[in-house]
Amino acid sequence: MLTIVLIDDDPISTFVTEKLIAKNVKEPCKFFKYQSARKALNEIYDIKPNYLFLDLNMPEMTGWDFLDNFDSAKNEAEIYILSSSVDERDISKASKYQVVKDYLSKPLIKKYIQSIFH
């Protein structure tokens, strides 16, 4: 079973992402959804997800803060930034994080899902 963590302060975006993945991925998936990056960071090492989808613009703790505090040695999740920002500076900054596999714009589309879960 695939374990997938969705971190986004927008529950509608999370709902859409979960439904799209569940519909287009052949393997069974277990989802953990967080509206708080801080709470996700506290629980991530126990969950040990295969995939993690991270929004950038959130209150309290941003996606960047999450990445700065994330210990990749304790977790081998493939991390994808899923953001509504198309700012080149964000895309460039994301590429500097070794743990980030790709920067995807919202909403997640079927083509992205197929390339991630090939």
Protein backbone atom coordinates (compact mmCIF):
# COMPACT_ATOMS: atom_id res chain seq x y z
CA MET A 1 0.00 0.00 0.00
CA LEU A 2 1.22 3.49 -0.86
CA THR A 3 1.28 6.01 1.96
CA ILE A 4 0.71 9.58 0.83
CA VAL A 5 0.86 12.76 2.91
CA LEU A 6 -0.94 15.90 1.71
CA ILE A 7 0.02 19.15 3.42
CA ASP A 8 -2.16 22.09 2.41
CA ASP A 9 -4.19 24.61 4.40
CA ASP A 10 -6.93 24.49 1.75
CA PRO A 11 -9.21 21.48 2.42
CA ILE A 12 -10.81 21.72 -1.04
CA SER A 13 -7.44 21.48 -2.76
CA THR A 14 -6.54 18.51 -0.56
CA PHE A 15 -9.85 16.81 -1.34
CA VAL A 16 -9.35 17.25 -5.11
CA THR A 17 -5.75 15.99 -4.94
CA GLU A 18 -6.74 12.92 -2.92
CA LYS A 19 -9.61 12.01 -5.27
CA LEU A 20 -7.45 12.43 -8.38
CA ILE A 21 -4.65 10.26 -7.00
CA ALA A 22 -7.04 7.58 -5.71
CA LYS A 23 -8.80 7.43 -9.08
CA ASN A 24 -5.64 7.32 -11.22
CA VAL A 25 -3.23 5.17 -9.19
CA LYS A 26 -3.64 1.42 -9.48
CA GLU A 27 -2.18 0.58 -6.07
CA PRO A 28 -4.24 1.08 -2.90
CA CYS A 29 -3.36 4.34 -1.16
CA LYS A 30 -3.57 5.50 2.43
CA PHE A 31 -3.79 9.27 2.82
CA PHE A 32 -2.73 11.46 5.71
CA LYS A 33 -3.98 15.03 5.35
CA TYR A 34 -2.66 18.02 7.23
CA GLN A 35 -3.71 21.66 7.21
CA SER A 36 -0.73 22.45 9.45
CA ALA A 37 2.83 21.89 8.21
CA ARG A 38 4.04 21.99 11.82
CA LYS A 39 1.73 19.13 12.87
CA ALA A 40 2.75 17.15 9.77
CA LEU A 41 6.43 17.63 10.59
CA ASN A 42 5.85 16.28 14.11
CA GLU A 43 4.19 13.11 12.79
CA ILE A 44 5.94 12.53 9.45
CA TYR A 45 8.69 10.24 10.76
CA ASP A 46 6.14 7.84 12.28
CA ILE A 47 4.04 7.76 9.11
CA LYS A 48 7.00 7.10 6.76
CA PRO A 49 5.15 8.14 3.58
CA ASN A 50 6.16 7.09 0.07
CA TYR A 51 4.99 10.43 -1.33
CA LEU A 52 4.46 13.87 0.14
CA PHE A 53 2.66 16.75 -1.57
CA LEU A 54 3.44 20.12 -0.02
CA ASP A 55 1.79 23.51 -0.44
CA LEU A 56 4.07 26.53 0.03
CA ASN A 57 1.84 29.36 1.23
CA MET A 58 0.38 28.41 4.58
CA PRO A 59 -0.07 30.28 7.86
CA GLU A 60 2.10 29.53 10.90
CA MET A 61 4.63 27.35 9.04
CA THR A 62 5.18 27.63 5.28
CA GLY A 63 6.21 24.85 2.93
CA TRP A 64 9.70 26.38 2.87
CA ASP A 65 9.87 26.22 6.69
CA PHE A 66 8.76 22.59 6.51
CA LEU A 67 11.55 21.77 4.02
CA ASP A 68 14.14 23.61 6.13
CA ASN A 69 13.19 21.50 9.17
CA PHE A 70 12.61 18.18 7.38
CA ASP A 71 15.26 15.53 8.02
CA SER A 72 15.55 13.47 4.83
CA ALA A 73 17.86 11.01 6.59
CA LYS A 74 14.86 9.89 8.68
CA ASN A 75 12.42 9.68 5.78
CA GLU A 76 12.71 8.67 2.14
CA ALA A 77 9.46 10.18 0.87
CA GLU A 78 9.39 11.62 -2.63
CA ILE A 79 8.43 15.25 -2.03
CA TYR A 80 6.49 17.25 -4.60
CA ILE A 81 5.66 20.90 -4.14
CA LEU A 82 2.08 21.51 -5.20
CA SER A 83 1.53 25.24 -5.34
CA SER A 84 -0.68 27.81 -6.99
CA SER A 85 2.39 30.06 -7.33
CA VAL A 86 3.96 30.18 -10.77
CA ASP A 87 6.65 32.60 -9.60
CA GLU A 88 9.98 31.68 -11.19
CA ARG A 89 11.76 32.50 -7.90
CA ASP A 90 9.71 29.83 -6.10
CA ILE A 91 10.42 27.28 -8.83
CA SER A 92 14.13 28.12 -8.73
CA LYS A 93 14.23 27.98 -4.91
CA ALA A 94 12.49 24.57 -4.95
CA SER A 95 15.19 23.15 -7.22
CA LYS A 96 17.80 23.93 -4.55
CA TYR A 97 16.24 21.39 -2.18
CA GLN A 98 17.60 17.93 -2.94
CA VAL A 99 14.56 16.26 -1.35
CA VAL A 100 12.13 17.99 -3.74
CA LYS A 101 11.47 15.82 -6.78
CA ASP A 102 9.42 18.37 -8.72
CA TYR A 103 7.46 21.60 -8.56
CA LEU A 104 3.88 21.18 -9.76
CA SER A 105 1.21 23.81 -10.17
CA LYS A 106 -2.26 23.37 -8.73
CA PRO A 107 -4.50 21.72 -9.44
CA LEU A 108 -2.79 18.37 -9.80
CA ILE A 109 -3.63 16.90 -13.19
CA LYS A 110 -3.77 13.35 -14.49
CA LYS A 111 -0.58 13.79 -16.55
CA TYR A 112 1.42 14.68 -13.41
CA ILE A 113 -0.04 11.72 -11.53
CA GLN A 114 0.95 9.33 -14.30
CA SER A 115 4.53 10.62 -14.33
CA ILE A 116 4.84 10.42 -10.52
CA PHE A 117 3.22 7.02 -10.00
CA HIS A 118 4.50 5.32 -13.17
